[in-house]
Amino acid sequence: MKKRYPIIPAMAIYILFCSWPVGAEPRHSLRINCTTYSPYEVFFFRLVEEIGSRNQLLIERNTPPAGRSLIHVNQGIDDGDGPRVEGLSSAYPNLICVPEPFGDFIFGAFAGDRNIRIDGWSSLADHNVAYIHGWKIFEDQVTAAKSITRVKDSEQLFMLLNAGRADIALVTKTAGYAMMEKLNLKGIRFIEPPLAVKPNFLYLHKRHRDLVPKIQQTLLDLKRDGTYQRLYHEIIPPFPGK
């Protein structure tokens, strides 16, 4: 027997349509590129999610390779990228920086040889250096070295360092210690002082420029109401020896 489906009266459809809340707006969706999996990036993205929740924004995390991530946002393929250092809009003109920083990056060098001393970028010249492809601060600052190796991610970076195929691994302090713990590496240390300490930011494609003031204000609210500090201590472990 042929199955019969009920016919929904036109009036019922009309009533259903009219029952949508007056003035309700569809939730805005943002696909944010966040490509490194250290505790700091987890913290950063958790802040982005909280900002989204407070502004009726649906947040999706995307993880393209670091070297491709900014290009995709600049082309409008993705909606945003972070955490990143300031000043990238000059190279990627379609990107707008949310001006309130999410925190600080501590950039520096990890090494297994305890005799290695680092004092500024120029002191890298005598060493075999490795860093993650797409990290702009290292691409801009490491202009002289015995050799430079670019890798896909922090796991490859520390496997290279541990195998003795690089003297120095350049990365953030948080990401480096997190990867050492994951790989159970011993005898590697972060060389003090750091090479640079830079605030980091969220960048959005220019089509979302109207969201920038809302996101900036909500981030300030998170810092004032204690949410920022609570999430930081929940997610980011203290550095060894602290």
Foldseek 3Di string as FASTA:
>chain_A
DDDDDDDDDPVVVVVVVVPPDPPDDQQAEFEEEQAAPFLVSVLVVVLVVVLCVVVSYHYHYDHDFLQCRLVCQLVVVGWKYDFAFPDCCVVRVQKDWLPDFLFKFQKAKKFLDPVDADDALVSQQAWFEEEAPNRVVCVVRNPHHPHYYHDRYVLVQVVCRVVVVTGIYIDTPRSNVRNCVVVVPPRMDTHPDTNDMGTTTMMTGNVVVVCSVSSNVVSVVCVVVVVSVVSCPVRGDDDPPD
